């Protein structure tokens, strides 16, 4: 029970509040430190997301495919489509397609009629018992047992499941519109050829079953002849293709149609630097923006007199005053952060150091292809001489590609170095401040915040005890004064007659 100034006439509530404000000062300071640490953690995580995004962009700088600075122009028969790969070379080429890789196919020869007459549908029973034997030269037969009650759809399913994982693996469908089976191999090439044999359980011919699959009474039917693909590049022939795509001398060739007689497709391959130039420009733009923002934060002034506001302090201020105060209070969150300062230095070296693995006499520095850094105080921002970069990619595309992508004992390329540096920075910042993408956060800052929360809870319990003690003391005083006043009134009444 709290008694506030009834006997003494004092404003006990105000007195206790003022006394508690003094007692709360250590906790208020701890709360301010916790708020500051939370701001630091949020700023560090935001910067970590920026580095993570840069790392994603930098991953392209280490891939040879990103520096495929070639384009191909085709004339002639158009029998092939050619795309230059990373190792393609300038020049004129002649492509002749001799044959396409094809699948083995078998379709019903006539409309299938169900038992009792009428065009068969997938849900009808086939009406004939027996087995379908799938025969492939040089391989064991595959037997598929069929009951008279098996539906046409289930026959298709049985054939497809029986060949799954084998060669050929079949795709089988019964079409209700035409009452036909459509059967083909999933893969291409001559190894996919097959024959279906229709038999009774004892192995004898079952032409009735054959009719329910092919539409014609017959004991067996062979698929269409599947073929391998064949193509020549400048007279060098490649046979046995089980796909209509192949790569020869860095040229990715897609076979479209067969050339007849002496017809060919003529290909002109020449350097096309636009793609890698744009990729490099996009990365440099993102990199420079990130570096500029980080550099500002590393030197941003810290106003130590402006600490985070408590809830009580905010109640006494206007919204504008709070905004201006917190602008100062949040200044310098990342000032001189050692991980980020080191990141700027490491990235500058990753870009500007020579590449040992580029090879003697080859391009081994960014400055040789028109990319340089500005003044050291600019934090390592990059500047591009686009004309020089395009010329390097046109005249020495392989050397430029190696400058960025090489991995060797003598030294990694610039793209690889930058990616590894950014990856290392992201790991360090995640260990320091945690990652929003992770459900488990044992970062240094999170552990510090948890310790602060525990200490704040202890302080709150302690302050509650202190406040209760103050009130107990004032209540005891009020009771004593009340008793003394009562005694004084009694004495006055009895000794002086109430006068």
Protein backbone atom coordinates (compact mmCIF):
# COMPACT_ATOMS: atom_id res chain seq x y z
CA UNK A 1 0.00 0.00 0.00
CA UNK A 2 1.41 3.38 -1.02
CA UNK A 3 0.51 6.53 0.97
CA UNK A 4 1.51 9.73 -0.80
CA UNK A 5 1.83 12.86 1.37
CA UNK A 6 -1.47 12.61 3.26
CA UNK A 7 0.19 13.46 6.57
CA UNK A 8 3.29 15.34 5.44
CA UNK A 9 1.68 17.29 2.60
CA UNK A 10 4.67 16.45 0.37
CA UNK A 11 4.35 15.52 -3.34
CA UNK A 12 5.72 12.04 -2.70
CA UNK A 13 5.06 10.82 -6.23
CA UNK A 14 7.25 13.57 -7.75
CA UNK A 15 9.96 13.03 -5.17
CA UNK A 16 10.11 9.29 -5.89
CA UNK A 17 10.18 9.91 -9.65
CA UNK A 18 13.09 12.34 -9.28
CA UNK A 19 14.97 9.92 -7.06
CA UNK A 20 14.32 7.08 -9.55
CA UNK A 21 15.62 9.18 -12.46
CA UNK A 22 19.00 9.26 -10.72
CA UNK A 23 18.86 5.53 -10.05
CA UNK A 24 17.90 4.85 -13.70
CA UNK A 25 20.85 6.70 -15.20
CA UNK A 26 23.09 3.57 -15.56
CA UNK A 27 20.21 1.65 -17.21
CA UNK A 28 19.36 4.57 -19.51
CA UNK A 29 22.97 4.63 -20.64
CA UNK A 30 22.82 0.88 -21.28
CA UNK A 31 19.59 1.28 -23.29
CA UNK A 32 21.28 4.00 -25.37
CA UNK A 33 24.22 1.66 -26.04
CA UNK A 34 21.81 -1.10 -27.04
CA UNK A 35 19.95 1.23 -29.46
CA UNK A 36 23.27 2.38 -30.96
CA UNK A 37 24.38 -1.23 -31.42
CA UNK A 38 21.06 -2.06 -33.12
CA UNK A 39 21.58 0.86 -35.50
CA UNK A 40 25.12 -0.30 -36.19
CA UNK A 41 23.93 -3.83 -36.88
CA UNK A 42 21.25 -2.62 -39.30
CA UNK A 43 23.76 -0.39 -41.14
CA UNK A 44 26.29 -3.24 -41.33
CA UNK A 45 23.69 -5.66 -42.67
CA UNK A 46 22.60 -3.15 -45.29
CA UNK A 47 26.20 -2.74 -46.43
CA UNK A 48 26.58 -6.52 -46.42
CA UNK A 49 23.62 -6.80 -48.80
CA UNK A 50 25.36 -4.32 -51.10
CA UNK A 51 28.55 -6.41 -51.06
CA UNK A 52 26.49 -9.57 -51.61
CA UNK A 53 24.83 -8.01 -54.67
CA UNK A 54 28.25 -6.97 -55.99
CA UNK A 55 29.47 -10.53 -55.46
CA UNK A 56 26.63 -11.82 -57.65
CA UNK A 57 27.60 -9.36 -60.39
CA UNK A 58 31.28 -10.21 -60.02
CA UNK A 59 30.56 -13.91 -60.53
CA UNK A 60 30.05 -13.16 -64.25
CA UNK A 61 33.52 -11.59 -64.45
CA UNK A 62 35.14 -14.94 -63.68
CA UNK A 63 33.26 -16.95 -66.33
CA UNK A 64 34.65 -17.47 -69.83
CA UNK A 65 31.13 -17.54 -71.26
CA UNK A 66 30.68 -13.90 -70.19
CA UNK A 67 33.53 -12.89 -72.50
CA UNK A 68 32.20 -14.63 -75.59
CA UNK A 69 32.95 -11.62 -77.76
CA UNK A 70 32.01 -13.22 -81.05
CA UNK A 71 29.06 -13.06 -83.39
CA UNK A 72 28.23 -15.36 -86.28
CA UNK A 73 26.59 -14.45 -89.59
CA UNK A 74 25.18 -17.28 -91.72
CA UNK A 75 24.51 -17.41 -95.45
CA UNK A 76 23.76 -20.26 -97.83
CA UNK A 77 21.41 -23.17 -97.25
CA UNK A 78 20.64 -22.43 -93.61
CA UNK A 79 20.93 -26.13 -92.76
CA UNK A 80 22.71 -25.31 -89.49
CA UNK A 81 22.57 -22.62 -86.82
CA UNK A 82 25.97 -21.69 -85.42
CA UNK A 83 26.70 -19.91 -82.13
CA UNK A 84 30.31 -19.02 -81.29
CA UNK A 85 31.49 -20.34 -77.94
CA UNK A 86 34.09 -18.87 -75.59
CA UNK A 87 36.96 -20.53 -77.49
CA UNK A 88 35.75 -19.63 -81.01
CA UNK A 89 38.09 -17.85 -83.41
CA UNK A 90 37.53 -15.22 -86.07
CA UNK A 91 37.21 -16.57 -89.59
CA UNK A 92 34.99 -18.02 -92.31
CA UNK A 93 33.65 -21.57 -92.02
CA UNK A 94 31.59 -23.94 -94.13
CA UNK A 95 29.08 -26.30 -92.54
CA UNK A 96 27.42 -29.20 -94.37
CA UNK A 97 24.73 -31.34 -92.72
CA UNK A 98 24.75 -34.93 -94.06
CA UNK A 99 22.02 -36.36 -91.82
CA UNK A 100 19.93 -35.48 -88.78
CA UNK A 101 19.70 -37.54 -85.62
CA UNK A 102 16.16 -38.95 -85.50
CA UNK A 103 14.01 -40.94 -83.10
CA UNK A 104 12.62 -44.40 -83.73
CA UNK A 105 8.83 -44.21 -84.23
CA UNK A 106 5.94 -46.62 -84.58
CA UNK A 107 2.35 -45.54 -85.08
CA UNK A 108 -0.76 -47.61 -85.67
CA UNK A 109 -1.28 -48.20 -89.39
CA UNK A 110 -5.07 -48.02 -89.24
CA UNK A 111 -7.81 -46.98 -86.87
CA UNK A 112 -8.14 -49.49 -84.04
CA UNK A 113 -11.59 -50.95 -83.44
CA UNK A 114 -12.58 -52.15 -79.99
CA UNK A 115 -14.10 -55.56 -79.28
CA UNK A 116 -17.73 -55.47 -80.40
CA UNK A 117 -17.03 -52.81 -83.05
CA UNK A 118 -16.58 -49.06 -83.14
CA UNK A 119 -13.55 -46.82 -82.80
CA UNK A 120 -11.54 -47.65 -79.70
CA UNK A 121 -11.14 -45.12 -76.88
CA UNK A 122 -8.40 -45.05 -74.24
CA UNK A 123 -10.73 -46.31 -71.49
CA UNK A 124 -11.95 -49.35 -73.50
CA UNK A 125 -10.63 -52.84 -72.74
CA UNK A 126 -8.27 -54.18 -75.42
CA UNK A 127 -10.21 -57.48 -75.51
CA UNK A 128 -7.20 -59.73 -76.28
CA UNK A 129 -4.77 -61.38 -73.88
CA UNK A 130 -1.11 -62.01 -74.65
CA UNK A 131 2.23 -60.27 -74.41
CA UNK A 132 4.04 -57.54 -76.29
CA UNK A 133 7.75 -58.22 -76.68
CA UNK A 134 10.02 -55.22 -77.19
CA UNK A 135 13.03 -56.38 -79.21
CA UNK A 136 16.27 -54.40 -79.69
CA UNK A 137 19.28 -55.79 -81.54
CA UNK A 138 21.96 -56.97 -79.15
CA UNK A 139 19.79 -56.55 -76.03
CA UNK A 140 17.52 -58.76 -73.96
CA UNK A 141 13.83 -58.77 -74.88
CA UNK A 142 11.39 -56.89 -72.65
CA UNK A 143 8.08 -58.69 -72.10
CA UNK A 144 4.91 -56.77 -71.31
CA UNK A 145 1.94 -58.97 -70.31
CA UNK A 146 -1.49 -57.83 -71.43
CA UNK A 147 -4.88 -59.00 -70.07
CA UNK A 148 -8.07 -58.86 -72.10
CA UNK A 149 -9.43 -56.34 -69.56
CA UNK A 150 -6.40 -54.02 -69.88
CA UNK A 151 -7.46 -50.66 -71.29
CA UNK A 152 -5.67 -49.04 -74.22
CA UNK A 153 -4.44 -46.29 -71.89
CA UNK A 154 -2.99 -48.89 -69.53
CA UNK A 155 -1.28 -50.67 -72.43
CA UNK A 156 0.47 -47.39 -73.23
CA UNK A 157 1.43 -46.96 -69.58
CA UNK A 158 2.76 -50.52 -69.30
CA UNK A 159 4.95 -50.14 -72.40
CA UNK A 160 6.35 -46.82 -71.19
CA UNK A 161 7.05 -48.04 -67.65
CA UNK A 162 8.65 -51.30 -68.88
CA UNK A 163 11.26 -49.38 -70.90
CA UNK A 164 12.01 -46.64 -68.38
CA UNK A 165 15.76 -46.52 -67.82
CA UNK A 166 16.53 -48.79 -70.78
CA UNK A 167 17.51 -48.09 -74.37
CA UNK A 168 15.32 -47.22 -76.02
CA UNK A 169 13.09 -45.62 -73.41
CA UNK A 170 9.71 -45.25 -75.10
CA UNK A 171 7.06 -42.57 -75.06
CA UNK A 172 3.66 -44.18 -75.68
CA UNK A 173 0.26 -42.55 -76.05
CA UNK A 174 -3.16 -43.73 -77.19
CA UNK A 175 -4.98 -40.93 -79.03
CA UNK A 176 -8.77 -40.88 -78.73
CA UNK A 177 -9.24 -38.57 -81.70
CA UNK A 178 -7.66 -40.98 -84.19
CA UNK A 179 -7.89 -44.27 -82.24
CA UNK A 180 -4.17 -44.79 -82.89
CA UNK A 181 -1.15 -45.64 -80.76
CA UNK A 182 1.77 -43.22 -81.13
CA UNK A 183 5.08 -44.71 -80.00
CA UNK A 184 8.55 -43.16 -80.22
CA UNK A 185 11.93 -43.35 -78.52
CA UNK A 186 12.77 -40.56 -76.08
CA UNK A 187 16.34 -40.30 -77.37
CA UNK A 188 17.75 -39.95 -80.88
CA UNK A 189 20.12 -42.11 -82.91
CA UNK A 190 20.34 -45.52 -84.53
CA UNK A 191 20.65 -47.29 -81.15
CA UNK A 192 16.97 -46.44 -80.53
CA UNK A 193 15.55 -48.78 -83.24
CA UNK A 194 13.14 -51.41 -81.93
CA UNK A 195 10.57 -54.02 -82.99
CA UNK A 196 7.31 -54.98 -81.27
CA UNK A 197 6.41 -58.69 -81.42
CA UNK A 198 2.88 -59.81 -80.49
CA UNK A 199 2.73 -63.25 -78.88
CA UNK A 200 0.68 -65.64 -76.81
CA UNK A 201 1.89 -66.76 -73.41
CA UNK A 202 3.64 -69.76 -75.01
CA UNK A 203 5.56 -67.56 -77.46
CA UNK A 204 3.41 -68.34 -80.51
CA UNK A 205 2.23 -65.55 -82.81
CA UNK A 206 -0.77 -63.48 -81.70
CA UNK A 207 -1.93 -61.49 -84.72
CA UNK A 208 -5.17 -60.51 -82.95
CA UNK A 209 -3.13 -58.64 -80.32
CA UNK A 210 -1.07 -57.11 -83.10
CA UNK A 211 -4.27 -55.73 -84.67
CA UNK A 212 -5.27 -54.07 -81.39
CA UNK A 213 -1.90 -52.23 -81.33
CA UNK A 214 -1.22 -51.53 -85.02
CA UNK A 215 -4.72 -51.64 -86.50
CA UNK A 216 -3.60 -54.49 -88.84
CA UNK A 217 -3.40 -58.23 -88.15
CA UNK A 218 0.32 -58.94 -87.88
CA UNK A 219 2.69 -60.75 -85.57
CA UNK A 220 5.38 -58.02 -85.41
CA UNK A 221 6.12 -54.51 -86.52
CA UNK A 222 9.45 -52.64 -86.71
CA UNK A 223 9.84 -48.99 -85.87
CA UNK A 224 10.88 -46.44 -88.44
CA UNK A 225 14.64 -46.42 -88.87
CA UNK A 226 16.23 -43.98 -86.45
CA UNK A 227 19.46 -42.39 -87.69
CA UNK A 228 22.53 -40.72 -86.25
CA UNK A 229 23.37 -37.16 -87.14
CA UNK A 230 26.37 -36.26 -89.29
CA UNK A 231 27.94 -32.89 -90.06
CA UNK A 232 31.13 -31.48 -91.58
CA UNK A 233 32.97 -28.30 -90.65
CA UNK A 234 35.39 -27.20 -93.35
CA UNK A 235 35.42 -30.76 -94.70
CA UNK A 236 36.11 -32.40 -91.33
CA UNK A 237 33.26 -34.84 -90.82
CA UNK A 238 31.71 -35.85 -87.49
CA UNK A 239 29.46 -38.93 -87.56
CA UNK A 240 27.51 -40.87 -84.95
CA UNK A 241 25.74 -37.89 -83.38
CA UNK A 242 22.85 -38.86 -81.10
CA UNK A 243 21.77 -35.24 -80.81
CA UNK A 244 21.26 -32.49 -83.35
CA UNK A 245 23.64 -30.28 -81.40
CA UNK A 246 27.41 -30.53 -81.28
CA UNK A 247 30.43 -28.31 -80.71
CA UNK A 248 33.40 -28.23 -83.09
CA UNK A 249 36.36 -25.88 -82.68
CA UNK A 250 34.45 -23.62 -80.29
CA UNK A 251 31.41 -23.36 -82.59
CA UNK A 252 28.13 -24.65 -81.20
CA UNK A 253 26.34 -26.17 -84.20
CA UNK A 254 22.64 -27.00 -84.26
CA UNK A 255 21.61 -29.23 -87.18
CA UNK A 256 18.43 -27.91 -88.77
CA UNK A 257 18.04 -29.75 -92.11
CA UNK A 258 20.00 -32.00 -94.47
CA UNK A 259 22.03 -30.40 -97.24
CA UNK A 260 21.50 -31.88 -100.70
CA UNK A 261 24.17 -32.08 -103.34
CA UNK A 262 26.87 -29.49 -102.72
CA UNK A 263 24.73 -27.01 -100.74
CA UNK A 264 26.26 -25.77 -97.47
CA UNK A 265 25.88 -23.11 -94.82
CA UNK A 266 28.63 -20.51 -94.80
CA UNK A 267 29.49 -18.93 -91.45
CA UNK A 268 31.46 -15.76 -90.78
CA UNK A 269 32.67 -15.40 -87.18
CA UNK A 270 33.95 -12.05 -86.02
CA UNK A 271 34.59 -10.26 -82.75
CA UNK A 272 31.56 -8.59 -81.16
CA UNK A 273 32.68 -6.81 -77.98
CA UNK A 274 29.35 -5.19 -77.11
CA UNK A 275 28.20 -7.93 -74.72
CA UNK A 276 31.33 -8.04 -72.48
CA UNK A 277 31.72 -4.25 -72.64
CA UNK A 278 28.18 -3.77 -71.35
CA UNK A 279 28.71 -6.40 -68.65
CA UNK A 280 31.87 -4.65 -67.44
CA UNK A 281 30.20 -1.22 -67.56
CA UNK A 282 27.21 -2.45 -65.54
CA UNK A 283 29.47 -3.94 -62.89
CA UNK A 284 31.70 -0.86 -62.69
CA UNK A 285 28.64 1.38 -62.30
CA UNK A 286 27.33 -0.72 -59.41
CA UNK A 287 30.79 -1.02 -57.89
CA UNK A 288 31.49 2.72 -58.02
CA UNK A 289 28.11 3.54 -56.44
CA UNK A 290 28.75 1.07 -53.61
CA UNK A 291 32.29 2.32 -53.05
CA UNK A 292 31.20 5.96 -53.02
CA UNK A 293 28.46 5.29 -50.45
CA UNK A 294 30.76 3.23 -48.26
CA UNK A 295 33.57 5.79 -48.40
CA UNK A 296 31.16 8.46 -47.14
CA UNK A 297 30.06 6.27 -44.25
CA UNK A 298 33.63 5.43 -43.24
CA UNK A 299 34.51 9.12 -42.79
CA UNK A 300 31.10 10.32 -41.55
CA UNK A 301 31.41 12.39 -38.36
CA UNK A 302 30.32 10.91 -35.04
CA UNK A 303 28.44 13.30 -32.74
CA UNK A 304 29.05 11.82 -29.30
CA UNK A 305 26.87 14.47 -27.59
CA UNK A 306 23.82 13.21 -29.49
CA UNK A 307 22.88 9.87 -27.93
CA UNK A 308 19.75 7.86 -28.82
CA UNK A 309 16.63 9.34 -27.25
CA UNK A 310 14.66 7.58 -24.57
CA UNK A 311 10.86 7.33 -24.76
CA UNK A 312 10.56 9.95 -21.99
CA UNK A 313 12.81 12.36 -23.90
CA UNK A 314 10.81 11.88 -27.10
CA UNK A 315 7.59 12.77 -25.29
CA UNK A 316 9.05 16.20 -24.49
CA UNK A 317 10.11 16.92 -28.10
CA UNK A 318 8.34 17.69 -31.37
CA UNK A 319 8.54 15.34 -34.34
CA UNK A 320 10.89 17.74 -36.15
CA UNK A 321 13.15 17.99 -33.10
CA UNK A 322 13.28 14.19 -32.85
CA UNK A 323 14.11 13.91 -36.57
CA UNK A 324 16.96 16.43 -36.36
CA UNK A 325 18.33 14.87 -33.19
CA UNK A 326 18.33 11.32 -34.56
CA UNK A 327 19.98 12.49 -37.77
CA UNK A 328 22.93 13.55 -35.64
CA UNK A 329 22.67 10.50 -33.36
CA UNK A 330 22.83 8.07 -36.29
CA UNK A 331 25.80 9.80 -37.91
CA UNK A 332 29.05 7.82 -37.98
CA UNK A 333 27.56 4.33 -37.51
CA UNK A 334 30.25 2.75 -39.72
CA UNK A 335 33.01 5.30 -39.14
CA UNK A 336 36.43 3.62 -39.52
CA UNK A 337 34.87 0.12 -39.53
CA UNK A 338 37.97 -2.14 -39.83
CA UNK A 339 36.35 -4.83 -41.99
CA UNK A 340 35.03 -2.34 -44.53
CA UNK A 341 38.24 -0.29 -44.59
CA UNK A 342 40.13 -3.50 -45.28
CA UNK A 343 37.56 -4.44 -47.96
CA UNK A 344 38.26 -1.20 -49.86
CA UNK A 345 41.99 -1.84 -49.79
CA UNK A 346 41.64 -5.50 -50.81
CA UNK A 347 39.28 -4.68 -53.69
CA UNK A 348 41.63 -1.97 -54.96
CA UNK A 349 44.49 -4.49 -55.02
CA UNK A 350 42.29 -7.17 -56.62
CA UNK A 351 41.55 -4.82 -59.50
CA UNK A 352 44.90 -3.16 -59.99
CA UNK A 353 47.56 -5.82 -59.25
CA UNK A 354 48.94 -7.62 -62.29
CA UNK A 355 47.67 -11.12 -63.14
CA UNK A 356 50.52 -13.62 -62.91
CA UNK A 357 48.59 -16.39 -64.66
CA UNK A 358 47.85 -14.35 -67.79
CA UNK A 359 50.99 -15.61 -69.57
CA UNK A 360 54.21 -13.93 -70.62
CA UNK A 361 53.72 -11.07 -73.04
CA UNK A 362 49.93 -11.11 -72.70
CA UNK A 363 47.61 -8.48 -71.23
CA UNK A 364 47.99 -8.73 -67.46
CA UNK A 365 46.65 -5.43 -66.04
CA UNK A 366 43.35 -3.57 -66.27
CA UNK A 367 45.10 -0.37 -67.30
CA UNK A 368 46.15 -2.10 -70.53
CA UNK A 369 42.51 -2.45 -71.59
CA UNK A 370 41.35 1.02 -70.59
CA UNK A 371 40.23 0.53 -66.96
CA UNK A 372 41.94 2.54 -64.23
CA UNK A 373 41.38 3.91 -60.72
CA UNK A 374 41.18 7.56 -59.84
CA UNK A 375 42.75 9.37 -56.93
CA UNK A 376 43.36 7.22 -53.85
CA UNK A 377 41.01 9.44 -51.82
CA UNK A 378 38.16 8.34 -54.10
CA UNK A 379 38.36 4.92 -52.48
CA UNK A 380 39.29 2.87 -55.53
CA UNK A 381 36.52 3.89 -57.95
CA UNK A 382 37.02 2.59 -61.49
CA UNK A 383 37.04 4.60 -64.72
CA UNK A 384 36.61 3.11 -68.22
CA UNK A 385 38.06 4.26 -71.53
CA UNK A 386 35.35 2.55 -73.57
CA UNK A 387 37.11 2.90 -76.92
CA UNK A 388 40.27 1.29 -75.55
CA UNK A 389 38.25 -1.50 -73.92
CA UNK A 390 36.38 -2.27 -77.16
CA UNK A 391 39.64 -2.28 -79.10
CA UNK A 392 41.19 -4.75 -76.66
CA UNK A 393 38.18 -7.07 -76.83
CA UNK A 394 38.19 -6.91 -80.63
CA UNK A 395 41.91 -7.38 -81.16
CA UNK A 396 42.83 -9.62 -78.19
CA UNK A 397 39.61 -11.26 -76.97
CA UNK A 398 41.30 -14.34 -75.52
CA UNK A 399 43.87 -12.30 -73.61
CA UNK A 400 41.15 -10.09 -72.12
CA UNK A 401 39.13 -13.18 -71.20
CA UNK A 402 42.16 -14.73 -69.46
CA UNK A 403 42.87 -11.45 -67.66
CA UNK A 404 39.54 -11.85 -65.87
CA UNK A 405 38.94 -15.61 -65.74
CA UNK A 406 42.26 -17.46 -65.47
CA UNK A 407 42.82 -19.74 -62.47
CA UNK A 408 46.40 -20.93 -62.05
CA UNK A 409 49.19 -21.50 -59.58
CA UNK A 410 50.81 -18.31 -60.87
CA UNK A 411 47.78 -16.22 -59.93
CA UNK A 412 44.05 -15.85 -60.47
CA UNK A 413 42.33 -13.52 -62.90
CA UNK A 414 40.76 -10.24 -61.84
CA UNK A 415 37.19 -11.56 -61.90
CA UNK A 416 38.15 -14.50 -59.69
CA UNK A 417 40.10 -12.25 -57.28
CA UNK A 418 37.29 -9.72 -56.97
CA UNK A 419 34.69 -12.45 -56.42
CA UNK A 420 36.82 -14.14 -53.76
CA UNK A 421 37.47 -10.80 -52.02
CA UNK A 422 33.76 -9.92 -51.95
CA UNK A 423 32.88 -13.41 -50.77
CA UNK A 424 35.36 -13.05 -47.89
CA UNK A 425 33.94 -9.64 -46.95
CA UNK A 426 30.36 -10.98 -46.95
CA UNK A 427 31.41 -13.83 -44.63
CA UNK A 428 33.17 -11.45 -42.21
CA UNK A 429 30.26 -9.01 -42.09
CA UNK A 430 27.80 -11.87 -41.58
CA UNK A 431 29.90 -13.08 -38.65
CA UNK A 432 29.95 -9.55 -37.25
CA UNK A 433 26.31 -8.50 -37.74
CA UNK A 434 24.42 -11.57 -38.93
CA UNK A 435 22.49 -12.13 -42.12
CA UNK A 436 18.74 -11.48 -42.56
CA UNK A 437 18.59 -14.59 -44.76
CA UNK A 438 19.71 -16.87 -41.91
CA UNK A 439 17.31 -18.20 -39.27
CA UNK A 440 20.18 -18.74 -36.81
CA UNK A 441 22.10 -15.63 -35.76
CA UNK A 442 25.16 -16.08 -33.57
CA UNK A 443 26.92 -13.00 -34.88
CA UNK A 444 29.10 -10.88 -32.59
CA UNK A 445 26.61 -7.99 -32.50
CA UNK A 446 23.61 -10.24 -31.83
CA UNK A 447 25.39 -11.90 -28.93
CA UNK A 448 26.27 -8.46 -27.55
CA UNK A 449 22.63 -7.34 -27.87
CA UNK A 450 21.40 -10.45 -26.06
CA UNK A 451 23.81 -9.73 -23.19
CA UNK A 452 22.55 -6.14 -23.06
CA UNK A 453 18.93 -7.31 -22.97
CA UNK A 454 19.72 -9.60 -20.06
CA UNK A 455 21.46 -6.77 -18.19
CA UNK A 456 18.57 -4.37 -18.89
CA UNK A 457 16.11 -6.93 -17.48
CA UNK A 458 18.23 -7.20 -14.32
CA UNK A 459 18.28 -3.42 -14.02
CA UNK A 460 14.51 -3.24 -14.40
CA UNK A 461 14.06 -5.77 -11.59
CA UNK A 462 16.56 -3.88 -9.44
CA UNK A 463 14.85 -0.53 -10.05
CA UNK A 464 11.47 -2.00 -9.20
CA UNK A 465 12.90 -3.14 -5.85
CA UNK A 466 14.46 0.29 -5.21
CA UNK A 467 11.20 2.08 -6.04
CA UNK A 468 9.27 -0.26 -3.75
CA UNK A 469 11.79 0.47 -0.98
CA UNK A 470 11.40 4.23 -1.45
CA UNK A 471 7.65 3.95 -1.25
CA UNK A 472 7.88 1.73 1.81
CA UNK A 473 10.05 4.34 3.53
CA UNK A 474 7.76 7.25 2.64
CA UNK A 475 4.69 5.23 3.63
CA UNK A 476 6.29 4.44 6.98
CA UNK A 477 7.06 8.14 7.44
CA UNK A 478 3.50 9.13 6.56
CA UNK A 479 2.11 6.58 9.03
CA UNK A 480 4.43 7.86 11.72
CA UNK A 481 3.45 11.48 11.05
CA UNK A 482 -0.21 10.54 11.00
CA UNK A 483 0.14 8.77 14.35
CA UNK A 484 2.07 11.70 15.82
CA UNK A 485 -0.56 14.15 14.60
CA UNK A 486 -3.28 12.02 16.14
CA UNK A 487 -1.46 11.92 19.48
CA UNK A 488 -0.84 15.65 19.36
CA UNK A 489 -4.50 16.32 18.73
CA UNK A 490 -5.52 14.04 21.63
CA UNK A 491 -3.10 15.73 24.03
CA UNK A 492 -4.32 19.16 23.00
CA UNK A 493 -7.91 18.10 23.52
CA UNK A 494 -7.33 16.66 26.98
CA UNK A 495 -4.82 19.16 28.35
CA UNK A 496 -6.22 22.38 27.02
CA UNK A 497 -9.83 21.54 26.58
CA UNK A 498 -9.67 21.78 22.90
CA UNK A 499 -8.44 25.39 23.04
